Amino acid sequence: MKLEIIHSTHYQYTEPIAESVMEVRLQPMDGVGQRCLAFKLDISSGIKPRAYVDGYGNVVHYFNLVRPHTRLSITSRATVETGLAPDADAGEELVHDFLRFRSPVKDIQGVRDLAREHSVAHPGSAESIEAALDGLTLAISRDFEYNRAVTNVYSAVDEVLELRAGVCQDFAHLFIAVARAMGATTASHAWGDAWIPGKGWIGYDATRPVRTSEHHVRLAVGRDYSDAAPTRGIYVGSANSSMKVRVRTRELQSEA
């Protein structure tokens, strides 16, 4: 499947600010069943960003706008092919780097309780690990309410467990925490990936709940949201800010 994705982020400031410094992780990754065929990043005021590849293989664009402004727009356009064969080298050497607990993915009693409820019957069996993670994915979707009003990007899993609610980012963080406590390895932005022995990384989307498919596109990976945020930055000034995000996706027809 070929998909065209247009991702637009618009910042508005109540007063002119002096400077904005931003990092952007919007270029779809190559590998894990997908390939980025084309990518273009447009930033208001004609800014030309630079780029580097971080330790997780994410392409990071960055820029600095150093003149007064009240608006900032970031628009990416990508063409991605999905549904490709698994990688020959799925990156097993990175697995242990994703095992460390840190906020928002905390090692707490509620996480350990969920891990016991969804324990792997036969830890050496890939099928048993997958079955346990499928059960965890369904449980999070069933037992937690999708609610945009109760959490924010800084909310940790203890808050999500207390509220029994959150958004896809929160559910991904909860999946990561429980999977780590179960002994499965994960990395995530809006869903969690678990390392399955002999099969590599497999994605679990606890919001829907489904395993990831050709309809899912990876922009970036990391231990949690802070490693893989689509946009992140700071600004210099005393104004308040607001942000609007719009994503449009359409399937491209294959050429005859």
C-alpha atoms as a PDB file:
ATOM      1  CA  MET A   1       0.000   0.000   0.000  1.00  0.00           C
ATOM      2  CA  LYS A   2       1.170   3.529  -0.831  1.00  0.00           C
ATOM      3  CA  LEU A   3      -0.003   6.359   1.398  1.00  0.00           C
ATOM      4  CA  GLU A   4       0.270  10.124   1.083  1.00  0.00           C
ATOM      5  CA  ILE A   5       0.435  11.854   4.455  1.00  0.00           C
ATOM      6  CA  ILE A   6       0.207  15.604   5.041  1.00  0.00           C
ATOM      7  CA  HIS A   7       0.901  16.662   8.635  1.00  0.00           C
ATOM      8  CA  SER A   8       0.373  20.338   9.538  1.00  0.00           C
ATOM      9  CA  THR A   9       1.189  22.023  12.844  1.00  0.00           C
ATOM     10  CA  HIS A  10       0.305  25.680  13.425  1.00  0.00           C
ATOM     11  CA  TYR A  11       1.479  27.703  16.437  1.00  0.00           C
ATOM     12  CA  GLN A  12      -0.144  31.020  17.365  1.00  0.00           C
ATOM     13  CA  TYR A  13       1.270  33.467  19.954  1.00  0.00           C
ATOM     14  CA  THR A  14      -0.673  36.183  21.743  1.00  0.00           C
ATOM     15  CA  GLU A  15       2.241  38.630  21.375  1.00  0.00           C
ATOM     16  CA  PRO A  16       5.351  38.712  19.171  1.00  0.00           C
ATOM     17  CA  ILE A  17       8.046  36.394  20.464  1.00  0.00           C
ATOM     18  CA  ALA A  18      11.743  36.883  19.801  1.00  0.00           C
ATOM     19  CA  GLU A  19      12.914  33.367  18.941  1.00  0.00           C
ATOM     20  CA  SER A  20      11.748  29.780  18.375  1.00  0.00           C
ATOM     21  CA  VAL A  21      13.972  26.693  18.533  1.00  0.00           C
ATOM     22  CA  MET A  22      12.374  23.482  17.253  1.00  0.00           C
ATOM     23  CA  GLU A  23      13.066  19.807  16.588  1.00  0.00           C
ATOM     24  CA  VAL A  24      10.767  17.938  14.199  1.00  0.00           C
ATOM     25  CA  ARG A  25      10.386  14.155  13.841  1.00  0.00           C
ATOM     26  CA  LEU A  26       7.955  13.876  10.955  1.00  0.00           C
ATOM     27  CA  GLN A  27       9.884  11.963   8.281  1.00  0.00           C
ATOM     28  CA  PRO A  28       8.588   8.362   8.160  1.00  0.00           C
ATOM     29  CA  MET A  29      11.197   5.748   8.948  1.00  0.00           C
ATOM     30  CA  ASP A  30      12.542   3.099   6.598  1.00  0.00           C
ATOM     31  CA  GLY A  31      12.285  -0.459   7.844  1.00  0.00           C
ATOM     32  CA  VAL A  32       9.880  -2.545   9.942  1.00  0.00           C
ATOM     33  CA  GLY A  33       7.691  -3.166   6.888  1.00  0.00           C
ATOM     34  CA  GLN A  34       7.665   0.350   5.430  1.00  0.00           C
ATOM     35  CA  ARG A  35       9.701   2.638   3.170  1.00  0.00           C
ATOM     36  CA  CYS A  36       9.596   6.415   2.757  1.00  0.00           C
ATOM     37  CA  LEU A  37       9.484   7.170  -0.975  1.00  0.00           C
ATOM     38  CA  ALA A  38       9.319  10.962  -0.773  1.00  0.00           C
ATOM     39  CA  PHE A  39       9.395  13.616   1.923  1.00  0.00           C
ATOM     40  CA  LYS A  40       9.204  17.410   1.986  1.00  0.00           C
ATOM     41  CA  LEU A  41       9.161  19.722   4.991  1.00  0.00           C
ATOM     42  CA  ASP A  42       7.868  23.301   4.663  1.00  0.00           C
ATOM     43  CA  ILE A  43       8.317  25.832   7.467  1.00  0.00           C
ATOM     44  CA  SER A  44       6.866  29.326   7.482  1.00  0.00           C
ATOM     45  CA  SER A  45       9.073  32.343   6.793  1.00  0.00           C
ATOM     46  CA  GLY A  46      11.079  30.301   4.286  1.00  0.00           C
ATOM     47  CA  ILE A  47      13.161  28.589   6.963  1.00  0.00           C
ATOM     48  CA  LYS A  48      15.485  25.841   5.710  1.00  0.00           C
ATOM     49  CA  PRO A  49      15.954  23.219   8.438  1.00  0.00           C
ATOM     50  CA  ARG A  50      18.977  21.021   8.957  1.00  0.00           C
ATOM     51  CA  ALA A  51      18.770  17.330   9.842  1.00  0.00           C
ATOM     52  CA  TYR A  52      20.517  14.564  11.740  1.00  0.00           C
ATOM     53  CA  VAL A  53      19.757  10.939  12.678  1.00  0.00           C
ATOM     54  CA  ASP A  54      19.326  10.291  16.402  1.00  0.00           C
ATOM     55  CA  GLY A  55      20.307   7.199  18.360  1.00  0.00           C
ATOM     56  CA  TYR A  56      17.031   5.426  17.552  1.00  0.00           C
ATOM     57  CA  GLY A  57      17.336   5.922  13.798  1.00  0.00           C
ATOM     58  CA  ASN A  58      14.835   8.798  13.644  1.00  0.00           C
ATOM     59  CA  VAL A  59      15.459  11.579  11.128  1.00  0.00           C
ATOM     60  CA  VAL A  60      15.343  14.812  13.147  1.00  0.00           C
ATOM     61  CA  HIS A  61      14.959  18.183  11.416  1.00  0.00           C
ATOM     62  CA  TYR A  62      15.812  21.262  13.455  1.00  0.00           C
ATOM     63  CA  PHE A  63      15.741  25.039  13.003  1.00  0.00           C
ATOM     64  CA  ASN A  64      15.983  28.335  14.827  1.00  0.00           C
ATOM     65  CA  LEU A  65      13.748  31.320  13.945  1.00  0.00           C
ATOM     66  CA  VAL A  66      15.456  34.405  15.373  1.00  0.00           C
ATOM     67  CA  ARG A  67      13.209  37.275  14.329  1.00  0.00           C
ATOM     68  CA  PRO A  68       9.969  38.438  16.016  1.00  0.00           C
ATOM     69  CA  HIS A  69       6.913  36.424  14.982  1.00  0.00           C
ATOM     70  CA  THR A  70       3.370  35.670  16.132  1.00  0.00           C
ATOM     71  CA  ARG A  71       2.821  32.533  14.027  1.00  0.00           C
ATOM     72  CA  LEU A  72       4.760  29.452  13.047  1.00  0.00           C
ATOM     73  CA  SER A  73       3.647  26.720  10.640  1.00  0.00           C
ATOM     74  CA  ILE A  74       5.278  23.325   9.991  1.00  0.00           C
ATOM     75  CA  THR A  75       3.919  21.143   7.173  1.00  0.00           C
ATOM     76  CA  SER A  76       5.308  17.783   6.089  1.00  0.00           C
ATOM     77  CA  ARG A  77       4.326  15.842   2.970  1.00  0.00           C
ATOM     78  CA  ALA A  78       5.344  12.212   2.729  1.00  0.00           C
ATOM     79  CA  THR A  79       4.724   9.254   0.453  1.00  0.00           C
ATOM     80  CA  VAL A  80       5.140   5.942   2.254  1.00  0.00           C
ATOM     81  CA  GLU A  81       4.944   2.349   1.054  1.00  0.00           C
ATOM     82  CA  THR A  82       3.698  -0.029   3.755  1.00  0.00           C
ATOM     83  CA  GLY A  83       3.025  -3.745   4.052  1.00  0.00           C
ATOM     84  CA  LEU A  84       6.558  -4.720   3.003  1.00  0.00           C
ATOM     85  CA  ALA A  85       8.386  -7.843   4.119  1.00  0.00           C
ATOM     86  CA  PRO A  86       9.962  -7.873   7.607  1.00  0.00           C
ATOM     87  CA  ASP A  87      13.535  -6.647   7.942  1.00  0.00           C
ATOM     88  CA  ALA A  88      16.312  -9.194   7.586  1.00  0.00           C
ATOM     89  CA  ASP A  89      18.015  -7.483  10.541  1.00  0.00           C
ATOM     90  CA  ALA A  90      15.255  -6.252  12.845  1.00  0.00           C
ATOM     91  CA  GLY A  91      17.576  -4.519  15.308  1.00  0.00           C
ATOM     92  CA  GLU A  92      17.817  -6.960  18.192  1.00  0.00           C
ATOM     93  CA  GLU A  93      20.910  -5.136  19.445  1.00  0.00           C
ATOM     94  CA  LEU A  94      18.668  -2.210  20.463  1.00  0.00           C
ATOM     95  CA  VAL A  95      16.296  -4.285  22.567  1.00  0.00           C
ATOM     96  CA  HIS A  96      17.929  -3.771  25.956  1.00  0.00           C
ATOM     97  CA  ASP A  97      18.070   0.011  25.516  1.00  0.00           C
ATOM     98  CA  PHE A  98      14.251   0.042  25.622  1.00  0.00           C
ATOM     99  CA  LEU A  99      14.026  -1.757  28.982  1.00  0.00           C
ATOM    100  CA  ARG A 100      14.779   1.184  31.275  1.00  0.00           C
ATOM    101  CA  PHE A 101      11.922   2.591  33.304  1.00  0.00           C
ATOM    102  CA  ARG A 102      11.626   6.381  33.588  1.00  0.00           C
ATOM    103  CA  SER A 103       8.727   8.806  33.810  1.00  0.00           C
ATOM    104  CA  PRO A 104       6.166   8.704  32.236  1.00  0.00           C
ATOM    105  CA  VAL A 105       6.710   4.927  31.950  1.00  0.00           C
ATOM    106  CA  LYS A 106       7.049   4.094  35.639  1.00  0.00           C
ATOM    107  CA  ASP A 107       7.602   0.831  37.473  1.00  0.00           C
ATOM    108  CA  ILE A 108       4.774   1.023  40.029  1.00  0.00           C
ATOM    109  CA  GLN A 109       2.515  -1.427  41.855  1.00  0.00           C
ATOM    110  CA  GLY A 110      -0.437  -0.962  39.465  1.00  0.00           C
ATOM    111  CA  VAL A 111       1.798  -1.792  36.520  1.00  0.00           C
ATOM    112  CA  ARG A 112       3.133  -4.899  38.246  1.00  0.00           C
ATOM    113  CA  ASP A 113      -0.440  -5.995  39.061  1.00  0.00           C
ATOM    114  CA  LEU A 114      -1.409  -5.770  35.390  1.00  0.00           C
ATOM    115  CA  ALA A 115       1.744  -7.648  34.442  1.00  0.00           C
ATOM    116  CA  ARG A 116       0.757 -10.513  36.739  1.00  0.00           C
ATOM    117  CA  GLU A 117      -2.753 -10.595  35.261  1.00  0.00           C
ATOM    118  CA  HIS A 118      -1.291 -10.930  31.751  1.00  0.00           C
ATOM    119  CA  SER A 119       1.762 -13.025  32.528  1.00  0.00           C
ATOM    120  CA  VAL A 120       3.370 -15.072  29.766  1.00  0.00           C
ATOM    121  CA  ALA A 121       2.512 -18.743  30.249  1.00  0.00           C
ATOM    122  CA  HIS A 122       5.643 -19.996  28.505  1.00  0.00           C
ATOM    123  CA  PRO A 123       8.321 -17.238  28.430  1.00  0.00           C
ATOM    124  CA  GLY A 124      10.444 -19.048  25.866  1.00  0.00           C
ATOM    125  CA  SER A 125       7.581 -19.333  23.366  1.00  0.00           C
ATOM    126  CA  ALA A 126       7.001 -16.538  20.839  1.00  0.00           C
ATOM    127  CA  GLU A 127       3.360 -17.631  20.480  1.00  0.00           C
ATOM    128  CA  SER A 128       2.829 -17.426  24.247  1.00  0.00           C
ATOM    129  CA  ILE A 129       4.365 -13.931  24.401  1.00  0.00           C
ATOM    130  CA  GLU A 130       2.185 -12.726  21.515  1.00  0.00           C
ATOM    131  CA  ALA A 131      -0.951 -14.144  23.142  1.00  0.00           C
ATOM    132  CA  ALA A 132      -0.183 -12.367  26.427  1.00  0.00           C
ATOM    133  CA  LEU A 133       0.445  -9.044  24.658  1.00  0.00           C
ATOM    134  CA  ASP A 134      -2.753  -9.409  22.606  1.00  0.00           C
ATOM    135  CA  GLY A 135      -4.627  -9.903  25.874  1.00  0.00           C
ATOM    136  CA  LEU A 136      -2.994  -6.822  27.406  1.00  0.00           C
ATOM    137  CA  THR A 137      -3.886  -4.735  24.345  1.00  0.00           C
ATOM    138  CA  LEU A 138      -7.550  -5.741  24.555  1.00  0.00           C
ATOM    139  CA  ALA A 139      -7.668  -5.147  28.317  1.00  0.00           C
ATOM    140  CA  ILE A 140      -6.342  -1.591  28.069  1.00  0.00           C
ATOM    141  CA  SER A 141      -8.844  -0.733  25.337  1.00  0.00           C
ATOM    142  CA  ARG A 142     -11.709  -2.312  27.307  1.00  0.00           C
ATOM    143  CA  ASP A 143     -10.925  -1.024  30.786  1.00  0.00           C
ATOM    144  CA  PHE A 144      -9.708   2.524  30.048  1.00  0.00           C
ATOM    145  CA  GLU A 145     -11.784   5.363  28.594  1.00  0.00           C
ATOM    146  CA  TYR A 146     -10.482   7.367  25.635  1.00  0.00           C
ATOM    147  CA  ASN A 147     -10.818  10.942  26.908  1.00  0.00           C
ATOM    148  CA  ARG A 148      -8.867  13.943  25.581  1.00  0.00           C
ATOM    149  CA  ALA A 149      -9.688  16.143  28.569  1.00  0.00           C
ATOM    150  CA  VAL A 150      -8.074  14.289  31.463  1.00  0.00           C
ATOM    151  CA  THR A 151      -4.341  14.031  30.633  1.00  0.00           C
ATOM    152  CA  ASN A 152      -1.566  15.948  28.886  1.00  0.00           C
ATOM    153  CA  VAL A 153       1.837  15.153  27.338  1.00  0.00           C
ATOM    154  CA  TYR A 154       3.435  15.078  30.809  1.00  0.00           C
ATOM    155  CA  SER A 155       0.999  12.575  32.343  1.00  0.00           C
ATOM    156  CA  ALA A 156       2.627   9.412  33.687  1.00  0.00           C
ATOM    157  CA  VAL A 157       1.178   5.915  33.936  1.00  0.00           C
ATOM    158  CA  ASP A 158       0.275   6.262  37.627  1.00  0.00           C
ATOM    159  CA  GLU A 159      -2.107   9.101  36.704  1.00  0.00           C
ATOM    160  CA  VAL A 160      -3.580   7.057  33.846  1.00  0.00           C
ATOM    161  CA  LEU A 161      -4.143   4.099  36.188  1.00  0.00           C
ATOM    162  CA  GLU A 162      -5.846   6.345  38.735  1.00  0.00           C
ATOM    163  CA  LEU A 163      -8.103   8.053  36.181  1.00  0.00           C
ATOM    164  CA  ARG A 164      -8.724   4.898  34.141  1.00  0.00           C
ATOM    165  CA  ALA A 165      -8.686   7.192  31.117  1.00  0.00           C
ATOM    166  CA  GLY A 166      -6.391   8.935  28.650  1.00  0.00           C
ATOM    167  CA  VAL A 167      -5.495   9.122  24.964  1.00  0.00           C
ATOM    168  CA  CYS A 168      -3.467   6.924  22.616  1.00  0.00           C
ATOM    169  CA  GLN A 169      -0.181   8.260  23.962  1.00  0.00           C
ATOM    170  CA  ASP A 170      -1.210   7.330  27.521  1.00  0.00           C
ATOM    171  CA  PHE A 171      -2.354   3.862  26.468  1.00  0.00           C
ATOM    172  CA  ALA A 172       0.930   3.323  24.635  1.00  0.00           C
ATOM    173  CA  HIS A 173       2.877   4.356  27.747  1.00  0.00           C
ATOM    174  CA  LEU A 174       0.789   1.983  29.878  1.00  0.00           C
ATOM    175  CA  PHE A 175       1.335  -0.849  27.403  1.00  0.00           C
ATOM    176  CA  ILE A 176       5.082  -0.178  27.473  1.00  0.00           C
ATOM    177  CA  ALA A 177       5.225  -0.178  31.274  1.00  0.00           C
ATOM    178  CA  VAL A 178       3.265  -3.414  31.659  1.00  0.00           C
ATOM    179  CA  ALA A 179       5.113  -5.148  28.820  1.00  0.00           C
ATOM    180  CA  ARG A 180       8.431  -4.255  30.454  1.00  0.00           C
ATOM    181  CA  ALA A 181       7.194  -5.620  33.765  1.00  0.00           C
ATOM    182  CA  MET A 182       6.082  -8.796  31.943  1.00  0.00           C
ATOM    183  CA  GLY A 183       9.546  -9.161  30.456  1.00  0.00           C
ATOM    184  CA  ALA A 184       8.638  -8.062  26.900  1.00  0.00           C
ATOM    185  CA  THR A 185      10.529  -5.160  25.341  1.00  0.00           C
ATOM    186  CA  THR A 186       8.812  -2.104  23.887  1.00  0.00           C
ATOM    187  CA  ALA A 187       9.227   1.190  22.113  1.00  0.00           C
ATOM    188  CA  SER A 188       6.462   3.565  21.245  1.00  0.00           C
ATOM    189  CA  HIS A 189       4.905   6.821  20.244  1.00  0.00           C
ATOM    190  CA  ALA A 190       1.172   6.291  19.769  1.00  0.00           C
ATOM    191  CA  TRP A 191       1.354   2.530  20.057  1.00  0.00           C
ATOM    192  CA  GLY A 192       3.747   0.047  21.620  1.00  0.00           C
ATOM    193  CA  ASP A 193       6.161  -2.286  19.864  1.00  0.00           C
ATOM    194  CA  ALA A 194       7.234  -5.504  21.549  1.00  0.00           C
ATOM    195  CA  TRP A 195      10.251  -7.614  20.619  1.00  0.00           C
ATOM    196  CA  ILE A 196       9.105 -11.172  19.855  1.00  0.00           C
ATOM    197  CA  PRO A 197      11.944 -13.735  19.733  1.00  0.00           C
ATOM    198  CA  GLY A 198      12.420 -15.002  16.200  1.00  0.00           C
ATOM    199  CA  LYS A 199       9.976 -12.465  14.734  1.00  0.00           C
ATOM    200  CA  GLY A 200      11.363  -9.028  15.615  1.00  0.00           C
ATOM    201  CA  TRP A 201       9.329  -5.918  16.493  1.00  0.00           C
ATOM    202  CA  ILE A 202       5.534  -6.274  16.446  1.00  0.00           C
ATOM    203  CA  GLY A 203       3.253  -3.303  17.098  1.00  0.00           C
ATOM    204  CA  TYR A 204       0.278  -3.326  19.479  1.00  0.00           C
ATOM    205  CA  ASP A 205      -2.211  -0.454  19.261  1.00  0.00           C
ATOM    206  CA  ALA A 206      -4.140  -0.494  22.540  1.00  0.00           C
ATOM    207  CA  THR A 207      -6.403   2.403  21.538  1.00  0.00           C
ATOM    208  CA  ARG A 208      -8.357   0.476  18.897  1.00  0.00           C
ATOM    209  CA  PRO A 209      -7.271  -2.343  19.869  1.00  0.00           C
ATOM    210  CA  VAL A 210      -5.392  -4.086  17.037  1.00  0.00           C
ATOM    211  CA  ARG A 211      -1.930  -5.121  16.007  1.00  0.00           C
ATOM    212  CA  THR A 212      -0.313  -2.588  13.729  1.00  0.00           C
ATOM    213  CA  SER A 213      -0.817  -3.155  10.017  1.00  0.00           C
ATOM    214  CA  GLU A 214      -0.108  -1.535   6.669  1.00  0.00           C
ATOM    215  CA  HIS A 215      -2.419   1.283   7.786  1.00  0.00           C
ATOM    216  CA  HIS A 216       0.039   2.298  10.527  1.00  0.00           C
ATOM    217  CA  VAL A 217       3.044   4.478   9.615  1.00  0.00           C
ATOM    218  CA  ARG A 218       6.028   4.949  11.925  1.00  0.00           C
ATOM    219  CA  LEU A 219       7.344   8.494  12.082  1.00  0.00           C
ATOM    220  CA  ALA A 220       9.739   7.929  14.984  1.00  0.00           C
ATOM    221  CA  VAL A 221      10.455   5.474  17.776  1.00  0.00           C
ATOM    222  CA  GLY A 222      11.831   5.761  21.290  1.00  0.00           C
ATOM    223  CA  ARG A 223      11.385   4.720  24.882  1.00  0.00           C
ATOM    224  CA  ASP A 224       8.320   6.973  25.284  1.00  0.00           C
ATOM    225  CA  TYR A 225       6.764  10.171  23.925  1.00  0.00           C
ATOM    226  CA  SER A 226       9.682  12.432  24.831  1.00  0.00           C
ATOM    227  CA  ASP A 227      12.002  10.481  22.499  1.00  0.00           C
ATOM    228  CA  ALA A 228       9.578  10.505  19.575  1.00  0.00           C
ATOM    229  CA  ALA A 229       7.476  13.694  19.774  1.00  0.00           C
ATOM    230  CA  PRO A 230       6.584  14.947  16.253  1.00  0.00           C
ATOM    231  CA  THR A 231       7.454  18.529  17.218  1.00  0.00           C
ATOM    232  CA  ARG A 232       9.298  19.824  20.268  1.00  0.00           C
ATOM    233  CA  GLY A 233      10.826  23.179  21.075  1.00  0.00           C
ATOM    234  CA  ILE A 234      11.028  26.322  23.142  1.00  0.00           C
ATOM    235  CA  TYR A 235      10.423  30.010  22.467  1.00  0.00           C
ATOM    236  CA  VAL A 236      11.734  33.253  23.921  1.00  0.00           C
ATOM    237  CA  GLY A 237       9.043  35.710  24.950  1.00  0.00           C
ATOM    238  CA  SER A 238       6.270  36.373  27.475  1.00  0.00           C
ATOM    239  CA  ALA A 239       3.324  35.498  25.189  1.00  0.00           C
ATOM    240  CA  ASN A 240       0.974  32.551  25.563  1.00  0.00           C
ATOM    241  CA  SER A 241       0.829  29.987  22.763  1.00  0.00           C
ATOM    242  CA  SER A 242      -1.727  27.682  21.172  1.00  0.00           C
ATOM    243  CA  MET A 243      -1.232  24.802  18.743  1.00  0.00           C
ATOM    244  CA  LYS A 244      -3.432  23.189  16.098  1.00  0.00           C
ATOM    245  CA  VAL A 245      -2.538  19.933  14.341  1.00  0.00           C
ATOM    246  CA  ARG A 246      -4.137  18.455  11.232  1.00  0.00           C
ATOM    247  CA  VAL A 247      -3.260  15.152   9.564  1.00  0.00           C
ATOM    248  CA  ARG A 248      -4.589  14.061   6.161  1.00  0.00           C
ATOM    249  CA  THR A 249      -3.933  10.594   4.754  1.00  0.00           C
ATOM    250  CA  ARG A 250      -4.998   9.050   1.463  1.00  0.00           C
ATOM    251  CA  GLU A 251      -4.154   5.865  -0.357  1.00  0.00           C
ATOM    252  CA  LEU A 252      -2.381   6.309  -3.705  1.00  0.00           C
ATOM    253  CA  GLN A 253      -3.419   4.063  -6.552  1.00  0.00           C
ATOM    254  CA  SER A 254      -0.684   1.861  -7.975  1.00  0.00           C
ATOM    255  CA  GLU A 255       0.438   2.625 -11.491  1.00  0.00           C
ATOM    256  CA  ALA A 256      -0.679   0.131 -14.106  1.00  0.00           C
END
